[in-house]
Amino acid sequence: MKTNSFPHYDVSENPTGCCPRFNPHGWDNQHLHFENKPFVRATTRSAMHVPWNMGKVFTRVQEHIEDAGAADPATEIVLSRDISPWEAEHFFAVENEVEGEEMTTLSGDYFTRVFEGPYRRVRDLAHDMGVAATAMGKTAKRVYFFYTTCPRCAKAYGENYMVGVAEI
């Protein structure tokens, strides 16, 4: 297990020109370890877990990340979780400091599971991550999701992969 890295994220196949087609190979049942892994933290508003301003926030953050030279397409992972029915937080993996954004780090051990299906299943999938942690003799502290494609690209590809990432 390599510190501060994610499984290989192949961004080479991108027929939509938006989100690359996600290849789940190598992402399921992985153990990750972070030591002060840098992330930009941003929040979005929601209405009963349905995002309101995600496009605007993600566009702003991505522009700041690119301006700072902190992006690497193969590691541009965003970990998201609802912190209430009205707000979600998002952690954008970066290579270095990004001015104008809230910086944070994550440290600890994590495991992954790959799911395919509609976004509305996230609550059940978060529960499944907790059950999987218990089966490993661990407790899931926080569960994040890496939404591999936007809704438009998921429709174009005919599949909607999500990667659960649980801190244990």
N, C-alpha and C. Protein backbone atom coordinates (compact mmCIF):
# COMPACT_ATOMS: atom_id res chain seq x y z
N MET A 1 0.85 -1.18 0.00
CA MET A 1 0.00 0.00 0.00
C MET A 1 0.90 1.24 0.00
N LYS A 2 0.75 2.05 -1.02
CA LYS A 2 1.53 3.26 -1.17
C LYS A 2 0.83 4.41 -0.43
N THR A 3 1.58 5.19 0.32
CA THR A 3 1.01 6.31 1.07
C THR A 3 0.61 7.45 0.13
N ASN A 4 -0.55 8.04 0.42
CA ASN A 4 -1.06 9.23 -0.27
C ASN A 4 -1.37 9.02 -1.75
N SER A 5 -1.72 7.81 -2.12
CA SER A 5 -2.08 7.60 -3.52
C SER A 5 -3.40 6.85 -3.63
N PHE A 6 -4.02 7.04 -4.77
CA PHE A 6 -5.25 6.34 -5.12
C PHE A 6 -4.90 5.27 -6.14
N PRO A 7 -5.79 4.30 -6.37
CA PRO A 7 -5.56 3.36 -7.48
C PRO A 7 -5.44 4.14 -8.79
N HIS A 8 -4.88 3.49 -9.80
CA HIS A 8 -4.70 4.15 -11.09
C HIS A 8 -6.05 4.62 -11.65
N TYR A 9 -6.09 5.88 -12.06
CA TYR A 9 -7.29 6.48 -12.63
C TYR A 9 -6.98 6.82 -14.08
N ASP A 10 -7.46 5.98 -14.99
CA ASP A 10 -7.19 6.15 -16.41
C ASP A 10 -8.15 7.19 -16.98
N VAL A 11 -7.60 8.31 -17.41
CA VAL A 11 -8.43 9.40 -17.95
C VAL A 11 -8.30 9.49 -19.47
N SER A 12 -7.70 8.48 -20.09
CA SER A 12 -7.42 8.56 -21.52
C SER A 12 -8.66 8.39 -22.40
N GLU A 13 -9.66 7.65 -21.94
CA GLU A 13 -10.87 7.45 -22.75
C GLU A 13 -11.93 8.46 -22.33
N ASN A 14 -12.15 9.46 -23.18
CA ASN A 14 -13.06 10.54 -22.82
C ASN A 14 -13.89 10.96 -24.03
N PRO A 15 -14.80 10.10 -24.51
CA PRO A 15 -15.58 10.45 -25.70
C PRO A 15 -16.56 11.60 -25.49
N THR A 16 -16.95 11.89 -24.25
CA THR A 16 -17.91 12.97 -24.02
C THR A 16 -17.23 14.34 -23.97
N GLY A 17 -15.90 14.35 -23.75
CA GLY A 17 -15.20 15.62 -23.59
C GLY A 17 -15.46 16.24 -22.23
N CYS A 18 -16.12 15.53 -21.36
CA CYS A 18 -16.44 16.02 -20.01
C CYS A 18 -15.76 15.11 -18.99
N CYS A 19 -16.42 14.05 -18.60
CA CYS A 19 -15.87 13.09 -17.64
C CYS A 19 -15.28 11.90 -18.38
N PRO A 20 -14.06 11.48 -18.03
CA PRO A 20 -13.53 10.27 -18.66
C PRO A 20 -14.38 9.06 -18.29
N ARG A 21 -14.40 8.07 -19.16
CA ARG A 21 -15.08 6.82 -18.86
C ARG A 21 -14.30 6.15 -17.72
N PHE A 22 -15.00 5.77 -16.66
CA PHE A 22 -14.33 5.18 -15.49
C PHE A 22 -14.13 3.69 -15.70
N ASN A 23 -12.90 3.24 -15.47
CA ASN A 23 -12.59 1.82 -15.49
C ASN A 23 -12.45 1.38 -14.04
N PRO A 24 -13.38 0.55 -13.54
CA PRO A 24 -13.36 0.19 -12.12
C PRO A 24 -12.25 -0.79 -11.74
N HIS A 25 -11.55 -1.35 -12.74
CA HIS A 25 -10.50 -2.32 -12.45
C HIS A 25 -9.46 -1.71 -11.50
N GLY A 26 -9.19 -2.41 -10.42
CA GLY A 26 -8.18 -1.97 -9.46
C GLY A 26 -8.69 -1.04 -8.38
N TRP A 27 -9.97 -0.71 -8.41
CA TRP A 27 -10.53 0.21 -7.42
C TRP A 27 -11.28 -0.50 -6.29
N ASP A 28 -11.81 -1.69 -6.54
CA ASP A 28 -12.63 -2.37 -5.54
C ASP A 28 -11.75 -3.07 -4.50
N ASN A 29 -12.16 -2.97 -3.24
CA ASN A 29 -11.47 -3.65 -2.13
C ASN A 29 -10.01 -3.24 -1.99
N GLN A 30 -9.75 -1.97 -2.17
CA GLN A 30 -8.38 -1.46 -1.99
C GLN A 30 -8.25 -0.83 -0.61
N HIS A 31 -7.05 -0.91 -0.08
CA HIS A 31 -6.76 -0.25 1.19
C HIS A 31 -5.83 0.92 0.89
N LEU A 32 -6.19 2.08 1.40
CA LEU A 32 -5.45 3.31 1.17
C LEU A 32 -4.91 3.81 2.50
N HIS A 33 -3.77 4.49 2.44
CA HIS A 33 -3.22 5.12 3.64
C HIS A 33 -2.79 6.54 3.28
N PHE A 34 -3.30 7.50 4.03
CA PHE A 34 -2.95 8.90 3.81
C PHE A 34 -2.19 9.43 5.02
N GLU A 35 -1.15 10.18 4.76
CA GLU A 35 -0.41 10.91 5.78
C GLU A 35 -0.38 12.36 5.36
N ASN A 36 -1.22 13.18 5.97
CA ASN A 36 -1.29 14.60 5.63
C ASN A 36 -1.45 14.82 4.13
N LYS A 37 -2.30 14.02 3.51
CA LYS A 37 -2.59 14.14 2.07
C LYS A 37 -3.34 15.45 1.85
N PRO A 38 -2.83 16.35 1.01
CA PRO A 38 -3.49 17.65 0.82
C PRO A 38 -4.76 17.55 -0.03
N PHE A 39 -5.75 18.30 0.42
CA PHE A 39 -7.03 18.42 -0.28
C PHE A 39 -7.51 19.86 -0.16
N VAL A 40 -8.26 20.29 -1.16
CA VAL A 40 -9.05 21.51 -1.05
C VAL A 40 -10.42 21.06 -0.54
N ARG A 41 -10.93 21.73 0.49
CA ARG A 41 -12.25 21.41 1.03
C ARG A 41 -13.22 22.51 0.60
N ALA A 42 -14.35 22.10 0.05
CA ALA A 42 -15.40 23.04 -0.35
C ALA A 42 -16.74 22.46 0.06
N THR A 43 -17.71 23.33 0.27
CA THR A 43 -19.05 22.87 0.62
C THR A 43 -20.04 23.34 -0.44
N THR A 44 -21.11 22.56 -0.57
CA THR A 44 -22.21 22.92 -1.45
C THR A 44 -23.50 22.88 -0.66
N ARG A 45 -24.47 23.64 -1.12
CA ARG A 45 -25.79 23.63 -0.50
C ARG A 45 -26.64 22.56 -1.17
N SER A 46 -27.57 22.02 -0.39
CA SER A 46 -28.46 20.97 -0.88
C SER A 46 -29.87 21.21 -0.36
N ALA A 47 -30.82 20.55 -0.98
CA ALA A 47 -32.20 20.51 -0.48
C ALA A 47 -32.56 19.03 -0.38
N MET A 48 -32.60 18.56 0.83
CA MET A 48 -32.86 17.13 1.08
C MET A 48 -31.90 16.26 0.26
N HIS A 49 -30.61 16.58 0.37
CA HIS A 49 -29.51 15.85 -0.25
C HIS A 49 -29.39 16.05 -1.76
N VAL A 50 -30.21 16.88 -2.37
CA VAL A 50 -30.10 17.17 -3.80
C VAL A 50 -29.28 18.47 -3.94
N PRO A 51 -28.11 18.41 -4.61
CA PRO A 51 -27.25 19.59 -4.68
C PRO A 51 -27.87 20.74 -5.46
N TRP A 52 -27.62 21.94 -4.96
CA TRP A 52 -28.11 23.17 -5.60
C TRP A 52 -27.03 23.87 -6.39
N ASN A 53 -25.88 24.05 -5.78
CA ASN A 53 -24.85 24.91 -6.38
C ASN A 53 -23.56 24.15 -6.69
N MET A 54 -23.65 22.88 -6.94
CA MET A 54 -22.46 22.07 -7.16
C MET A 54 -21.68 22.54 -8.38
N GLY A 55 -22.34 22.80 -9.49
CA GLY A 55 -21.64 23.23 -10.70
C GLY A 55 -20.83 24.49 -10.48
N LYS A 56 -21.43 25.46 -9.83
CA LYS A 56 -20.75 26.74 -9.58
C LYS A 56 -19.54 26.54 -8.66
N VAL A 57 -19.72 25.78 -7.59
CA VAL A 57 -18.62 25.55 -6.64
C VAL A 57 -17.51 24.74 -7.29
N PHE A 58 -17.86 23.66 -7.98
CA PHE A 58 -16.83 22.82 -8.60
C PHE A 58 -16.06 23.59 -9.67
N THR A 59 -16.74 24.43 -10.44
CA THR A 59 -16.07 25.24 -11.47
C THR A 59 -15.06 26.18 -10.81
N ARG A 60 -15.47 26.87 -9.76
CA ARG A 60 -14.58 27.80 -9.06
C ARG A 60 -13.35 27.07 -8.52
N VAL A 61 -13.59 25.96 -7.82
CA VAL A 61 -12.48 25.22 -7.21
C VAL A 61 -11.53 24.69 -8.29
N GLN A 62 -12.08 24.11 -9.36
CA GLN A 62 -11.23 23.58 -10.44
C GLN A 62 -10.38 24.68 -11.06
N GLU A 63 -10.95 25.87 -11.26
CA GLU A 63 -10.19 26.98 -11.81
C GLU A 63 -9.03 27.36 -10.90
N HIS A 64 -9.29 27.42 -9.58
CA HIS A 64 -8.23 27.76 -8.63
C HIS A 64 -7.15 26.67 -8.60
N ILE A 65 -7.56 25.41 -8.68
CA ILE A 65 -6.60 24.30 -8.68
C ILE A 65 -5.72 24.39 -9.92
N GLU A 66 -6.32 24.64 -11.07
CA GLU A 66 -5.54 24.75 -12.31
C GLU A 66 -4.61 25.95 -12.27
N ASP A 67 -5.11 27.10 -11.77
CA ASP A 67 -4.28 28.30 -11.66
C ASP A 67 -3.07 28.07 -10.76
N ALA A 68 -3.24 27.24 -9.73
CA ALA A 68 -2.16 26.96 -8.77
C ALA A 68 -1.21 25.87 -9.28
N GLY A 69 -1.54 25.26 -10.40
CA GLY A 69 -0.72 24.16 -10.90
C GLY A 69 -0.76 22.95 -9.98
N ALA A 70 -1.89 22.78 -9.30
CA ALA A 70 -2.01 21.72 -8.29
C ALA A 70 -2.75 20.50 -8.81
N ALA A 71 -3.07 20.48 -10.11
CA ALA A 71 -3.86 19.39 -10.67
C ALA A 71 -2.98 18.36 -11.35
N ASP A 72 -3.37 17.12 -11.20
CA ASP A 72 -2.80 16.00 -11.96
C ASP A 72 -4.00 15.19 -12.40
N PRO A 73 -4.31 15.15 -13.71
CA PRO A 73 -5.53 14.47 -14.16
C PRO A 73 -5.69 13.04 -13.63
N ALA A 74 -4.60 12.33 -13.42
CA ALA A 74 -4.69 10.95 -12.93
C ALA A 74 -4.99 10.87 -11.44
N THR A 75 -4.94 12.00 -10.75
CA THR A 75 -5.24 11.98 -9.31
C THR A 75 -6.31 13.01 -8.94
N GLU A 76 -7.02 13.53 -9.93
CA GLU A 76 -8.07 14.51 -9.66
C GLU A 76 -9.31 13.81 -9.13
N ILE A 77 -9.21 13.39 -7.92
CA ILE A 77 -10.28 12.66 -7.25
C ILE A 77 -10.99 13.64 -6.32
N VAL A 78 -12.31 13.59 -6.30
CA VAL A 78 -13.09 14.41 -5.37
C VAL A 78 -13.87 13.45 -4.48
N LEU A 79 -13.61 13.53 -3.19
CA LEU A 79 -14.34 12.73 -2.21
C LEU A 79 -15.46 13.59 -1.64
N SER A 80 -16.67 13.09 -1.68
CA SER A 80 -17.84 13.87 -1.26
C SER A 80 -18.61 13.13 -0.18
N ARG A 81 -19.24 13.90 0.70
CA ARG A 81 -20.15 13.31 1.67
C ARG A 81 -21.14 14.37 2.13
N ASP A 82 -22.36 13.91 2.38
CA ASP A 82 -23.39 14.80 2.93
C ASP A 82 -23.12 14.96 4.41
N ILE A 83 -23.10 16.21 4.87
CA ILE A 83 -22.95 16.44 6.31
C ILE A 83 -24.28 16.80 6.94
N SER A 84 -25.28 17.04 6.11
CA SER A 84 -26.66 17.24 6.55
C SER A 84 -27.53 17.16 5.30
N PRO A 85 -28.85 17.17 5.46
CA PRO A 85 -29.69 17.20 4.26
C PRO A 85 -29.52 18.50 3.46
N TRP A 86 -28.87 19.49 4.05
CA TRP A 86 -28.77 20.82 3.46
C TRP A 86 -27.36 21.21 3.01
N GLU A 87 -26.38 20.35 3.31
CA GLU A 87 -25.00 20.71 2.99
C GLU A 87 -24.16 19.45 2.74
N ALA A 88 -23.26 19.56 1.78
CA ALA A 88 -22.31 18.49 1.49
C ALA A 88 -20.91 19.09 1.49
N GLU A 89 -19.93 18.25 1.81
CA GLU A 89 -18.55 18.71 1.71
C GLU A 89 -17.82 17.85 0.69
N HIS A 90 -16.84 18.48 0.06
CA HIS A 90 -16.12 17.86 -1.04
C HIS A 90 -14.63 18.10 -0.82
N PHE A 91 -13.85 17.04 -0.99
CA PHE A 91 -12.41 17.09 -0.81
C PHE A 91 -11.75 16.81 -2.16
N PHE A 92 -11.13 17.83 -2.73
CA PHE A 92 -10.46 17.74 -4.02
C PHE A 92 -8.99 17.41 -3.78
N ALA A 93 -8.54 16.24 -4.23
CA ALA A 93 -7.14 15.86 -4.07
C ALA A 93 -6.27 16.79 -4.91
N VAL A 94 -5.24 17.32 -4.29
CA VAL A 94 -4.34 18.25 -4.98
C VAL A 94 -2.89 17.88 -4.69
N GLU A 95 -2.00 18.45 -5.47
CA GLU A 95 -0.58 18.19 -5.32
C GLU A 95 0.10 19.23 -4.43
N ASN A 96 -0.48 20.43 -4.32
CA ASN A 96 0.14 21.49 -3.53
C ASN A 96 -0.93 22.51 -3.11
N GLU A 97 -0.50 23.53 -2.42
CA GLU A 97 -1.37 24.59 -1.89
C GLU A 97 -2.15 25.29 -3.01
N VAL A 98 -3.41 25.62 -2.71
CA VAL A 98 -4.26 26.32 -3.67
C VAL A 98 -4.76 27.60 -3.00
N GLU A 99 -4.28 28.74 -3.49
CA GLU A 99 -4.68 30.02 -2.93
C GLU A 99 -6.15 30.29 -3.18
N GLY A 100 -6.80 30.92 -2.21
CA GLY A 100 -8.20 31.29 -2.34
C GLY A 100 -9.16 30.19 -1.98
N GLU A 101 -8.64 29.04 -1.56
CA GLU A 101 -9.50 27.91 -1.17
C GLU A 101 -9.09 27.40 0.20
N GLU A 102 -10.02 26.75 0.86
CA GLU A 102 -9.74 26.15 2.16
C GLU A 102 -8.93 24.88 1.97
N MET A 103 -7.73 24.86 2.54
CA MET A 103 -6.87 23.68 2.45
C MET A 103 -7.04 22.84 3.72
N THR A 104 -6.93 21.53 3.53
CA THR A 104 -6.98 20.61 4.66
C THR A 104 -6.16 19.38 4.28
N THR A 105 -5.96 18.50 5.23
CA THR A 105 -5.28 17.24 4.94
C THR A 105 -6.11 16.10 5.52
N LEU A 106 -5.92 14.92 4.94
CA LEU A 106 -6.51 13.71 5.49
C LEU A 106 -5.38 12.75 5.83
N SER A 107 -5.51 12.10 6.97
CA SER A 107 -4.56 11.09 7.40
C SER A 107 -5.34 9.91 7.94
N GLY A 108 -4.80 8.72 7.72
CA GLY A 108 -5.43 7.53 8.27
C GLY A 108 -5.55 6.43 7.24
N ASP A 109 -6.27 5.39 7.63
CA ASP A 109 -6.48 4.23 6.77
C ASP A 109 -7.90 4.23 6.24
N TYR A 110 -8.03 3.80 4.99
CA TYR A 110 -9.30 3.82 4.27
C TYR A 110 -9.41 2.53 3.45
N PHE A 111 -10.63 2.16 3.10
CA PHE A 111 -10.82 1.08 2.14
C PHE A 111 -11.87 1.50 1.13
N THR A 112 -11.86 0.84 -0.02
CA THR A 112 -12.75 1.23 -1.12
C THR A 112 -13.68 0.09 -1.50
N ARG A 113 -14.82 0.47 -2.06
CA ARG A 113 -15.75 -0.46 -2.70
C ARG A 113 -16.31 0.27 -3.93
N VAL A 114 -16.46 -0.46 -5.02
CA VAL A 114 -17.02 0.11 -6.24
C VAL A 114 -18.48 -0.30 -6.34
N PHE A 115 -19.32 0.66 -6.64
CA PHE A 115 -20.76 0.43 -6.82
C PHE A 115 -21.17 0.97 -8.18
N GLU A 116 -22.23 0.41 -8.72
CA GLU A 116 -22.79 0.91 -9.97
C GLU A 116 -24.29 1.05 -9.77
N GLY A 117 -24.82 2.20 -10.13
CA GLY A 117 -26.25 2.42 -9.99
C GLY A 117 -26.55 3.89 -9.80
N PRO A 118 -27.82 4.20 -9.53
CA PRO A 118 -28.24 5.60 -9.41
C PRO A 118 -27.71 6.27 -8.13
N TYR A 119 -27.51 7.57 -8.24
CA TYR A 119 -27.02 8.36 -7.10
C TYR A 119 -27.93 8.24 -5.88
N ARG A 120 -29.21 8.04 -6.09
CA ARG A 120 -30.15 8.00 -4.96
C ARG A 120 -29.87 6.83 -4.02
N ARG A 121 -29.04 5.88 -4.43
CA ARG A 121 -28.71 4.73 -3.57
C ARG A 121 -27.60 5.03 -2.57
N VAL A 122 -27.05 6.22 -2.57
CA VAL A 122 -25.88 6.53 -1.75
C VAL A 122 -26.11 6.23 -0.28
N ARG A 123 -27.25 6.55 0.26
CA ARG A 123 -27.49 6.28 1.68
C ARG A 123 -27.35 4.78 1.96
N ASP A 124 -27.93 3.94 1.11
CA ASP A 124 -27.80 2.49 1.29
C ASP A 124 -26.36 2.03 1.09
N LEU A 125 -25.66 2.64 0.16
CA LEU A 125 -24.28 2.26 -0.10
C LEU A 125 -23.38 2.66 1.07
N ALA A 126 -23.66 3.79 1.69
CA ALA A 126 -22.90 4.20 2.88
C ALA A 126 -23.11 3.18 4.00
N HIS A 127 -24.33 2.70 4.13
CA HIS A 127 -24.62 1.65 5.12
C HIS A 127 -23.82 0.39 4.78
N ASP A 128 -23.80 0.02 3.50
CA ASP A 128 -23.03 -1.16 3.06
C ASP A 128 -21.55 -1.00 3.40
N MET A 129 -21.02 0.20 3.29
CA MET A 129 -19.61 0.44 3.64
C MET A 129 -19.39 0.19 5.14
N GLY A 130 -20.35 0.61 5.96
CA GLY A 130 -20.25 0.35 7.39
C GLY A 130 -20.28 -1.13 7.71
N VAL A 131 -21.14 -1.86 7.03
CA VAL A 131 -21.23 -3.32 7.21
C VAL A 131 -19.92 -3.98 6.78
N ALA A 132 -19.35 -3.54 5.67
CA ALA A 132 -18.09 -4.09 5.19
C ALA A 132 -16.96 -3.82 6.19
N ALA A 133 -16.95 -2.64 6.77
CA ALA A 133 -15.93 -2.31 7.77
C ALA A 133 -16.07 -3.24 8.98
N THR A 134 -17.31 -3.44 9.43
CA THR A 134 -17.55 -4.33 10.56
C THR A 134 -17.08 -5.74 10.25
N ALA A 135 -17.32 -6.21 9.04
CA ALA A 135 -16.88 -7.55 8.63
C ALA A 135 -15.35 -7.67 8.67
N MET A 136 -14.64 -6.54 8.53
CA MET A 136 -13.18 -6.53 8.61
C MET A 136 -12.69 -6.35 10.04
N GLY A 137 -13.65 -6.24 10.99
CA GLY A 137 -13.28 -6.00 12.37
C GLY A 137 -12.95 -4.55 12.65
N LYS A 138 -13.43 -3.65 11.80
CA LYS A 138 -13.16 -2.21 11.91
C LYS A 138 -14.47 -1.46 12.04
N THR A 139 -14.37 -0.16 12.26
CA THR A 139 -15.52 0.72 12.29
C THR A 139 -15.33 1.80 11.23
N ALA A 140 -16.34 2.02 10.41
CA ALA A 140 -16.27 3.11 9.42
C ALA A 140 -16.55 4.42 10.15
N LYS A 141 -15.55 5.29 10.18
CA LYS A 141 -15.70 6.57 10.86
C LYS A 141 -16.44 7.56 9.97
N ARG A 142 -15.91 7.78 8.77
CA ARG A 142 -16.55 8.65 7.77
C ARG A 142 -16.57 7.90 6.45
N VAL A 143 -17.65 8.08 5.70
CA VAL A 143 -17.75 7.45 4.40
C VAL A 143 -17.90 8.54 3.35
N TYR A 144 -17.00 8.52 2.39
CA TYR A 144 -17.00 9.46 1.29
C TYR A 144 -17.35 8.70 0.01
N PHE A 145 -17.75 9.44 -1.02
CA PHE A 145 -17.97 8.83 -2.32
C PHE A 145 -17.23 9.63 -3.38
N PHE A 146 -16.59 8.89 -4.26
CA PHE A 146 -15.97 9.46 -5.45
C PHE A 146 -16.97 9.18 -6.57
N TYR A 147 -17.68 10.23 -6.99
CA TYR A 147 -18.65 10.12 -8.09
C TYR A 147 -17.84 10.24 -9.37
N THR A 148 -17.69 9.14 -10.08
CA THR A 148 -16.74 9.08 -11.19
C THR A 148 -17.18 9.85 -12.43
N THR A 149 -18.48 10.10 -12.56
CA THR A 149 -18.98 10.84 -13.72
C THR A 149 -20.15 11.72 -13.29
N CYS A 150 -20.35 12.77 -14.04
CA CYS A 150 -21.52 13.62 -13.82
C CYS A 150 -22.76 12.89 -14.36
N PRO A 151 -23.96 13.33 -14.01
CA PRO A 151 -25.17 12.64 -14.49
C PRO A 151 -25.26 12.55 -16.01
N ARG A 152 -24.84 13.59 -16.72
CA ARG A 152 -24.90 13.57 -18.18
C ARG A 152 -23.98 12.50 -18.76
N CYS A 153 -22.75 12.41 -18.23
CA CYS A 153 -21.81 11.40 -18.73
C CYS A 153 -22.24 9.99 -18.32
N ALA A 154 -22.78 9.83 -17.13
CA ALA A 154 -23.28 8.52 -16.70
C ALA A 154 -24.34 8.03 -17.67
N LYS A 155 -25.21 8.93 -18.10
CA LYS A 155 -26.25 8.56 -19.06
C LYS A 155 -25.63 8.18 -20.40
N ALA A 156 -24.65 8.96 -20.85
CA ALA A 156 -23.99 8.69 -22.13
C ALA A 156 -23.26 7.34 -22.11
N TYR A 157 -22.63 7.00 -20.99
CA TYR A 157 -21.87 5.76 -20.89
C TYR A 157 -22.76 4.56 -20.54
N GLY A 158 -23.96 4.83 -20.04
CA GLY A 158 -24.86 3.75 -19.67
C GLY A 158 -24.48 3.05 -18.38
N GLU A 159 -23.61 3.68 -17.61
CA GLU A 159 -23.22 3.14 -16.31
C GLU A 159 -22.82 4.30 -15.40
N ASN A 160 -23.08 4.12 -14.12
CA ASN A 160 -22.82 5.18 -13.15
C ASN A 160 -22.04 4.60 -11.99
N TYR A 161 -20.72 4.59 -12.12
CA TYR A 161 -19.88 4.05 -11.06
C TYR A 161 -19.68 5.08 -9.97
N MET A 162 -19.70 4.60 -8.73
CA MET A 162 -19.37 5.40 -7.56
C MET A 162 -18.41 4.56 -6.73
N VAL A 163 -17.40 5.20 -6.17
CA VAL A 163 -16.46 4.49 -5.33
C VAL A 163 -16.66 4.97 -3.89
N GLY A 164 -17.04 4.04 -3.02
CA GLY A 164 -17.13 4.35 -1.60
C GLY A 164 -15.74 4.30 -1.01
N VAL A 165 -15.40 5.29 -0.20
CA VAL A 165 -14.09 5.37 0.46
C VAL A 165 -14.39 5.59 1.93
N ALA A 166 -14.12 4.58 2.75
CA ALA A 166 -14.45 4.67 4.18
C ALA A 166 -13.18 4.78 5.01
N GLU A 167 -13.20 5.73 5.92
CA GLU A 167 -12.11 5.86 6.88
C GLU A 167 -12.34 4.80 7.96
N ILE A 168 -11.29 4.04 8.28
CA ILE A 168 -11.42 3.00 9.31
C ILE A 168 -10.37 3.17 10.39
